[in-house]
Amino acid sequence: MPAVGKTTLALRAGHANRAEFPDGQLYADLRGTSENPADPHQILEGFIRAIGVPAHEVPESLQERSKLFRTWSMGARLLVVLDDALSVSQIAPLLPASPGSSVIITTRWGLYSLPGVRHVELEEMTDDEAVELLESASGRPYHGSERRAAERAAELCGRLPIALRSLGSRMAAMRNWPIGKLVAQLDDPAGRLDVLAFADLDVRARCAAGYRRLDPQDRSMFRLISLLPPPDFTADTAARLVGAGTDLVEAQLIRLAGCHMLAVADASGGEIRYRMHELVRLFARECLDQEFLEPMRAQARSVAMPDERTLLDVRADEARAHGPEVVELDAGDHGHELEPVDRRVCRAIDPEHRQARPHHSNGLVRALEG
């Protein structure tokens, strides 16, 4: 999933084992979550020049470059680290030919069709690991009440390494700030992702990179299911929320899980339950607000009286305040203000009984697509 520490682990593993690969170690950032993924044609040029081939002897075609690299690596003991891979087709030309070589690949997409691969799924840190990382990043040991505050900070960071490093770096830069003050800021969900953005350590940016790679329909589903209450939900629950068929929704949830924007929490008992990490859920709610609710509120204001607070303003605030409780936009006297949004934006989940209420709006899905 985003921000779980894939790159750091891959580099640490590479450094720890480099002595086993005396013929060389190669690294490439494949930028699989960026808008412009790396071209293996260019990556191979770097590899070939790194092994000592003069620039004027580097072949022009991808096929010839891959052939030259594989020929050179035959019989060698080489370590290749391919970071942030997008697809099997991007990786395949970059693989060495020698059985004595190894390749470490990090990816958000689950490249399960690549043969000969052992998959390692990364999860959040344990509580003790999270506090230890926070202490290391901040340069401060925590004892007594500060230890309890650090444990709370780790919990609010979702025990994600990037979030913990971001918070720890902020604390290192603000040496006189007590950790309790930052914990108070983290306690506010509306501002949590802002606190967890420091220099290039930005949880929101990591989530956004994966979000941009989703197709419009899956982006729509991703935004909507942020309204469901934690800790987990089923495809049937999500289908009732969006007013679509369970099979169609299940297919979308599987795609979201495949790129680790969701996780499978439990598959026992014949029913799959899905889980969205809390920081990812906060990001999805931001997307829902910024890409849907705020534009609709602005549209409603444009036709309302200058000092009139529209129904959409009120109910959008209710949605943020109450989360999974029932939120219904009944157009009433302002029906013309809410188009193209259907009059029922969502009746979300009843938290106690985990039952979705009926008669959801297909218009909501249409309005949120894209």
Protein backbone atom coordinates (compact mmCIF):
# COMPACT_ATOMS: atom_id res chain seq x y z
CA MET A 1 0.00 0.00 0.00
CA PRO A 2 1.12 3.63 -0.22
CA ALA A 3 3.71 4.78 2.32
CA VAL A 4 4.32 1.33 3.81
CA GLY A 5 8.10 1.50 3.28
CA LYS A 6 8.69 -0.65 0.18
CA THR A 7 11.61 1.35 -1.20
CA THR A 8 13.39 1.66 2.13
CA LEU A 9 13.12 -2.08 2.76
CA ALA A 10 14.35 -2.94 -0.76
CA LEU A 11 17.40 -0.67 -0.45
CA ARG A 12 18.18 -1.95 3.04
CA ALA A 13 17.96 -5.55 1.81
CA GLY A 14 20.17 -4.72 -1.16
CA HIS A 15 22.85 -3.10 0.99
CA ALA A 16 22.74 -5.93 3.52
CA ASN A 17 23.33 -8.56 0.83
CA ARG A 18 25.57 -6.76 -1.64
CA ALA A 19 28.59 -8.87 -0.73
CA GLU A 20 26.83 -11.89 -2.25
CA PHE A 21 26.80 -10.17 -5.65
CA PRO A 22 30.42 -9.34 -6.49
CA ASP A 23 29.75 -8.63 -10.17
CA GLY A 24 27.69 -5.54 -9.43
CA GLN A 25 24.53 -3.98 -8.09
CA LEU A 26 22.17 -1.93 -10.25
CA TYR A 27 19.25 0.28 -9.20
CA ALA A 28 16.46 1.87 -11.26
CA ASP A 29 13.46 3.97 -10.26
CA LEU A 30 10.71 2.86 -12.64
CA ARG A 31 8.28 5.59 -11.48
CA GLY A 32 5.30 3.25 -11.78
CA THR A 33 3.02 5.47 -9.70
CA SER A 34 3.96 8.68 -11.50
CA GLU A 35 2.25 10.21 -14.51
CA ASN A 36 5.33 9.37 -16.60
CA PRO A 37 6.60 5.85 -15.86
CA ALA A 38 10.19 5.14 -16.82
CA ASP A 39 10.88 3.71 -20.28
CA PRO A 40 12.83 0.42 -20.05
CA HIS A 41 14.65 1.50 -23.23
CA GLN A 42 16.25 4.37 -21.29
CA ILE A 43 16.80 2.31 -18.14
CA LEU A 44 18.73 -0.27 -20.17
CA GLU A 45 20.97 2.43 -21.59
CA GLY A 46 21.94 3.33 -18.04
CA PHE A 47 22.50 -0.30 -17.12
CA ILE A 48 24.65 -0.99 -20.18
CA ARG A 49 26.79 2.09 -19.66
CA ALA A 50 27.15 1.17 -15.97
CA ILE A 51 28.66 -2.21 -16.92
CA GLY A 52 31.31 -0.48 -19.03
CA VAL A 53 29.92 -0.36 -22.57
CA PRO A 54 30.87 2.94 -24.29
CA ALA A 55 27.95 5.20 -25.22
CA HIS A 56 28.54 4.84 -28.97
CA GLU A 57 28.29 1.04 -28.70
CA VAL A 58 24.90 0.99 -26.93
CA PRO A 59 22.34 -0.52 -29.35
CA GLU A 60 19.38 1.57 -30.47
CA SER A 61 16.47 -0.86 -30.10
CA LEU A 62 14.99 -2.10 -26.84
CA GLN A 63 15.30 -5.70 -28.00
CA GLU A 64 19.01 -5.36 -28.79
CA ARG A 65 19.72 -3.55 -25.54
CA SER A 66 17.96 -6.24 -23.53
CA LYS A 67 19.84 -8.95 -25.44
CA LEU A 68 23.19 -7.27 -24.75
CA PHE A 69 22.40 -6.90 -21.05
CA ARG A 70 21.30 -10.50 -20.73
CA THR A 71 24.36 -11.75 -22.61
CA TRP A 72 26.68 -9.77 -20.34
CA SER A 73 24.93 -10.99 -17.19
CA MET A 74 25.07 -14.67 -18.17
CA GLY A 75 27.06 -16.43 -15.49
CA ALA A 76 27.38 -13.27 -13.39
CA ARG A 77 26.27 -12.75 -9.79
CA LEU A 78 24.38 -9.50 -10.09
CA LEU A 79 21.82 -7.74 -7.90
CA VAL A 80 19.22 -5.55 -9.61
CA VAL A 81 16.78 -3.39 -7.62
CA LEU A 82 13.75 -2.22 -9.63
CA ASP A 83 11.82 0.29 -7.56
CA ASP A 84 8.17 1.30 -8.09
CA ALA A 85 7.44 -1.00 -11.02
CA LEU A 86 4.27 -0.62 -13.03
CA SER A 87 3.91 -3.75 -15.15
CA VAL A 88 5.52 -7.00 -16.23
CA SER A 89 6.20 -5.53 -19.67
CA GLN A 90 8.21 -2.73 -18.06
CA ILE A 91 10.26 -5.19 -15.98
CA ALA A 92 10.87 -8.05 -18.40
CA PRO A 93 13.61 -6.41 -20.53
CA LEU A 94 15.54 -5.46 -17.37
CA LEU A 95 15.96 -8.95 -15.94
CA PRO A 96 19.45 -10.52 -15.97
CA ALA A 97 19.87 -13.99 -17.46
CA SER A 98 22.06 -15.60 -14.83
CA PRO A 99 20.53 -17.93 -12.22
CA GLY A 100 23.17 -16.60 -9.82
CA SER A 101 21.67 -13.12 -10.02
CA SER A 102 18.77 -11.75 -8.00
CA VAL A 103 16.21 -9.02 -8.57
CA ILE A 104 14.32 -7.06 -5.91
CA ILE A 105 11.17 -5.40 -7.21
CA THR A 106 8.91 -2.99 -5.36
CA THR A 107 5.46 -2.36 -6.72
CA ARG A 108 1.98 -1.32 -5.70
CA TRP A 109 0.30 -3.35 -8.41
CA GLY A 110 0.96 -6.98 -7.49
CA LEU A 111 2.81 -8.37 -10.55
CA TYR A 112 1.59 -11.90 -9.97
CA SER A 113 1.98 -13.04 -13.59
CA LEU A 114 5.77 -12.58 -13.46
CA PRO A 115 7.24 -16.10 -13.21
CA GLY A 116 9.71 -17.18 -10.56
CA VAL A 117 8.80 -14.47 -8.09
CA ARG A 118 8.37 -14.77 -4.33
CA HIS A 119 5.91 -12.15 -3.14
CA VAL A 120 6.29 -10.36 0.18
CA GLU A 121 3.28 -8.29 1.28
CA LEU A 122 4.18 -5.44 3.61
CA GLU A 123 1.84 -4.48 6.42
CA GLU A 124 1.84 -1.69 8.96
CA MET A 125 4.46 -1.76 11.71
CA THR A 126 3.80 -3.09 15.19
CA ASP A 127 3.25 -0.58 17.99
CA ASP A 128 6.77 -1.01 19.37
CA GLU A 129 8.36 -0.76 15.91
CA ALA A 130 6.36 2.38 15.19
CA VAL A 131 7.46 4.12 18.38
CA GLU A 132 11.06 3.05 17.78
CA LEU A 133 10.97 4.60 14.28
CA LEU A 134 9.40 7.77 15.67
CA GLU A 135 12.19 8.01 18.26
CA SER A 136 14.84 7.45 15.60
CA ALA A 137 13.39 10.03 13.20
CA SER A 138 12.86 12.67 15.87
CA GLY A 139 16.10 12.02 17.75
CA ARG A 140 14.19 11.89 21.03
CA PRO A 141 13.62 9.03 23.48
CA TYR A 142 10.18 8.88 25.03
CA HIS A 143 9.43 7.87 28.60
CA GLY A 144 6.47 8.10 30.93
CA SER A 145 3.70 10.38 29.67
CA GLU A 146 5.70 11.18 26.53
CA ARG A 147 5.87 7.46 25.76
CA ARG A 148 2.08 7.28 25.96
CA ALA A 149 1.85 10.32 23.67
CA ALA A 150 4.27 8.66 21.24
CA GLU A 151 2.14 5.51 21.21
CA ARG A 152 -0.91 7.63 20.44
CA ALA A 153 1.00 9.42 17.68
CA ALA A 154 1.99 6.06 16.18
CA GLU A 155 -1.64 4.97 16.25
CA LEU A 156 -2.79 8.17 14.52
CA CYS A 157 -0.04 7.69 11.92
CA GLY A 158 -1.55 4.29 11.17
CA ARG A 159 1.88 2.79 11.99
CA LEU A 160 2.97 3.65 8.42
CA PRO A 161 6.72 4.30 8.07
CA ILE A 162 6.39 7.37 5.84
CA ALA A 163 3.87 8.95 8.21
CA LEU A 164 6.08 8.21 11.21
CA ARG A 165 9.20 9.54 9.49
CA SER A 166 7.32 12.66 8.42
CA LEU A 167 6.12 13.31 11.96
CA GLY A 168 9.52 12.48 13.45
CA SER A 169 11.28 14.83 11.03
CA ARG A 170 8.85 17.61 11.91
CA MET A 171 9.57 17.05 15.60
CA ALA A 172 13.32 17.08 14.94
CA ALA A 173 12.95 20.45 13.23
CA MET A 174 10.73 21.81 16.04
CA ARG A 175 12.90 20.76 18.94
CA ASN A 176 11.06 22.64 21.65
CA TRP A 177 7.61 21.37 20.72
CA PRO A 178 6.22 18.74 23.09
CA ILE A 179 4.97 15.64 21.34
CA GLY A 180 1.59 16.11 23.01
CA LYS A 181 1.02 19.28 20.98
CA LEU A 182 1.51 17.43 17.70
CA VAL A 183 -0.69 14.60 18.92
CA ALA A 184 -3.46 17.15 19.53
CA GLN A 185 -3.09 18.30 15.92
CA LEU A 186 -3.13 14.73 14.65
CA ASP A 187 -6.32 14.06 16.59
CA ASP A 188 -8.20 16.32 14.18
CA PRO A 189 -8.93 14.14 11.11
CA ALA A 190 -9.46 17.21 8.93
CA GLY A 191 -5.87 18.34 9.38
CA ARG A 192 -4.06 15.05 9.94
CA LEU A 193 -2.66 14.71 6.43
CA ASP A 194 -1.37 18.27 6.61
CA VAL A 195 0.61 17.42 9.75
CA LEU A 196 1.95 14.29 8.02
CA ALA A 197 3.54 16.29 5.21
CA PHE A 198 7.09 17.43 5.87
CA ALA A 199 9.62 18.13 3.11
CA ASP A 200 9.42 15.17 0.70
CA LEU A 201 7.78 12.90 3.28
CA ASP A 202 4.13 13.37 2.37
CA VAL A 203 1.47 10.70 2.95
CA ARG A 204 -1.06 12.59 0.83
CA ALA A 205 1.33 12.67 -2.14
CA ARG A 206 1.94 8.92 -1.88
CA CYS A 207 -1.80 8.23 -1.91
CA ALA A 208 -2.36 10.67 -4.77
CA ALA A 209 0.21 8.86 -6.92
CA GLY A 210 -1.82 5.65 -6.78
CA TYR A 211 -5.13 7.49 -7.09
CA ARG A 212 -4.08 9.08 -10.39
CA ARG A 213 -3.47 5.62 -11.89
CA LEU A 214 -7.06 4.46 -11.25
CA ASP A 215 -9.61 4.61 -14.02
CA PRO A 216 -12.52 7.06 -13.53
CA GLN A 217 -14.99 4.42 -12.33
CA ASP A 218 -12.58 3.05 -9.74
CA ARG A 219 -11.72 6.55 -8.57
CA SER A 220 -15.43 7.12 -8.06
CA MET A 221 -15.77 3.93 -6.03
CA PHE A 222 -12.65 4.77 -4.02
CA ARG A 223 -14.11 8.15 -3.04
CA LEU A 224 -17.52 6.76 -2.15
CA ILE A 225 -16.42 3.90 0.09
CA SER A 226 -14.59 6.40 2.29
CA LEU A 227 -18.07 7.10 3.70
CA LEU A 228 -18.34 3.56 5.06
CA PRO A 229 -17.50 3.17 8.75
CA PRO A 230 -14.31 1.38 9.83
CA PRO A 231 -13.02 -1.16 10.35
CA ASP A 232 -14.26 -3.17 7.35
CA PHE A 233 -17.16 -3.76 4.97
CA THR A 234 -18.44 -6.19 2.35
CA ALA A 235 -19.15 -5.77 -1.35
CA ASP A 236 -22.86 -6.03 -0.59
CA THR A 237 -22.60 -3.11 1.84
CA ALA A 238 -20.71 -1.01 -0.70
CA ALA A 239 -23.23 -1.94 -3.41
CA ARG A 240 -26.11 -0.74 -1.26
CA LEU A 241 -24.29 2.53 -0.67
CA VAL A 242 -23.74 3.31 -4.35
CA GLY A 243 -26.91 1.74 -5.72
CA ALA A 244 -25.16 -0.72 -8.03
CA GLY A 245 -25.06 -4.49 -8.44
CA THR A 246 -22.95 -6.45 -5.97
CA ASP A 247 -21.00 -8.29 -8.69
CA LEU A 248 -20.06 -5.03 -10.41
CA VAL A 249 -18.99 -3.45 -7.13
CA GLU A 250 -17.04 -6.56 -6.10
CA ALA A 251 -15.06 -6.36 -9.34
CA GLN A 252 -14.17 -2.74 -8.58
CA LEU A 253 -13.18 -3.56 -5.01
CA ILE A 254 -10.95 -6.37 -6.26
CA ARG A 255 -9.21 -3.93 -8.59
CA LEU A 256 -8.72 -1.46 -5.75
CA ALA A 257 -7.31 -4.24 -3.58
CA GLY A 258 -5.06 -5.31 -6.45
CA CYS A 259 -3.34 -1.92 -6.42
CA HIS A 260 -3.39 -1.84 -2.60
CA MET A 261 -5.75 1.08 -2.16
CA LEU A 262 -7.81 -1.45 -0.17
CA ALA A 263 -6.90 -4.59 1.74
CA VAL A 264 -8.77 -7.84 2.28
CA ALA A 265 -9.45 -7.88 6.01
CA ASP A 266 -11.11 -11.28 6.23
CA ALA A 267 -12.18 -13.93 3.74
CA SER A 268 -13.42 -16.60 6.14
CA GLY A 269 -16.99 -17.78 6.28
CA GLY A 270 -17.51 -17.39 2.54
CA GLU A 271 -17.74 -13.59 2.71
CA ILE A 272 -14.91 -11.23 1.84
CA ARG A 273 -14.52 -8.19 4.05
CA TYR A 274 -12.48 -5.24 2.81
CA ARG A 275 -10.56 -2.68 4.83
CA MET A 276 -9.33 0.81 3.99
CA HIS A 277 -6.37 2.10 6.00
CA GLU A 278 -7.39 5.13 8.04
CA LEU A 279 -4.94 7.53 6.36
CA VAL A 280 -6.01 6.30 2.93
CA ARG A 281 -9.63 6.78 3.98
CA LEU A 282 -8.90 10.37 5.02
CA PHE A 283 -7.31 10.96 1.63
CA ALA A 284 -10.34 9.48 -0.13
CA ARG A 285 -12.66 11.73 1.89
CA GLU A 286 -10.57 14.72 0.83
CA CYS A 287 -10.99 13.67 -2.79
CA LEU A 288 -14.73 13.33 -2.26
CA ASP A 289 -14.90 16.83 -0.77
CA GLN A 290 -12.64 18.54 -3.28
CA GLU A 291 -13.82 16.84 -6.46
CA PHE A 292 -17.51 16.50 -5.70
CA LEU A 293 -18.98 18.13 -2.61
CA GLU A 294 -17.16 21.46 -2.81
CA PRO A 295 -17.94 22.02 -6.52
CA MET A 296 -21.57 21.15 -5.88
CA ARG A 297 -21.70 23.50 -2.92
CA ALA A 298 -20.20 26.25 -5.03
CA GLN A 299 -22.79 25.58 -7.72
CA ALA A 300 -25.55 25.72 -5.12
CA ARG A 301 -24.25 28.99 -3.72
CA SER A 302 -24.20 30.57 -7.13
CA VAL A 303 -28.00 30.36 -7.32
CA ALA A 304 -28.76 30.96 -3.63
CA MET A 305 -29.42 34.24 -1.91
CA PRO A 306 -26.11 35.97 -1.00
CA ASP A 307 -26.50 35.38 2.74
CA GLU A 308 -28.34 32.07 2.51
CA ARG A 309 -26.58 28.89 3.59
CA THR A 310 -27.73 26.21 1.18
CA LEU A 311 -29.00 22.80 2.13
CA LEU A 312 -25.99 21.25 0.43
CA ASP A 313 -23.68 23.28 2.70
CA VAL A 314 -25.49 22.02 5.78
CA ARG A 315 -25.63 18.38 4.75
CA ALA A 316 -22.04 18.26 3.46
CA ASP A 317 -20.95 19.48 6.89
CA GLU A 318 -23.13 16.80 8.47
CA ALA A 319 -21.42 14.17 6.34
CA ARG A 320 -18.01 15.29 7.54
CA ALA A 321 -19.13 15.55 11.16
CA HIS A 322 -21.01 12.27 11.42
CA GLY A 323 -19.30 10.11 8.83
CA PRO A 324 -21.25 6.87 8.47
CA GLU A 325 -24.54 8.18 9.85
CA VAL A 326 -27.40 8.63 7.44
CA VAL A 327 -26.96 11.68 5.24
CA GLU A 328 -29.82 12.44 2.86
CA LEU A 329 -30.02 15.40 0.55
CA ASP A 330 -33.72 16.06 0.18
CA ALA A 331 -34.00 18.80 -2.43
CA GLY A 332 -37.09 20.39 -0.92
CA ASP A 333 -37.35 24.02 -1.97
CA HIS A 334 -33.85 23.92 -3.43
CA GLY A 335 -34.25 21.02 -5.85
CA HIS A 336 -32.95 23.03 -8.76
CA GLU A 337 -29.74 23.80 -6.87
CA LEU A 338 -28.61 20.19 -6.53
CA GLU A 339 -28.51 19.07 -10.16
CA PRO A 340 -26.80 17.05 -11.53
CA VAL A 341 -26.58 15.40 -8.13
CA ASP A 342 -29.47 13.09 -7.33
CA ARG A 343 -31.59 14.24 -4.41
CA ARG A 344 -30.37 11.34 -2.34
CA VAL A 345 -26.57 11.59 -2.26
CA CYS A 346 -26.20 8.75 0.19
CA ARG A 347 -27.86 6.92 3.01
CA ALA A 348 -24.73 5.43 4.46
CA ILE A 349 -24.29 2.63 6.93
CA ASP A 350 -26.09 2.14 10.21
CA PRO A 351 -22.98 1.65 12.40
CA GLU A 352 -24.72 -0.49 14.98
CA HIS A 353 -26.31 -3.07 12.72
CA ARG A 354 -23.88 -2.76 9.77
CA GLN A 355 -26.87 -2.75 7.42
CA ALA A 356 -27.10 -0.39 4.50
CA ARG A 357 -30.40 1.35 4.02
CA PRO A 358 -32.23 0.83 0.70
CA HIS A 359 -33.08 3.09 -2.24
CA HIS A 360 -29.65 4.49 -2.98
CA SER A 361 -28.98 6.75 -5.89
CA ASN A 362 -27.51 5.58 -9.16
CA GLY A 363 -27.24 9.26 -10.00
CA LEU A 364 -24.55 9.58 -7.34
CA VAL A 365 -22.25 7.20 -9.19
CA ARG A 366 -22.83 9.03 -12.47
CA ALA A 367 -22.13 12.37 -10.82
CA LEU A 368 -18.90 11.16 -9.23
CA GLU A 369 -17.42 9.40 -12.26
CA GLY A 370 -14.18 11.05 -13.37
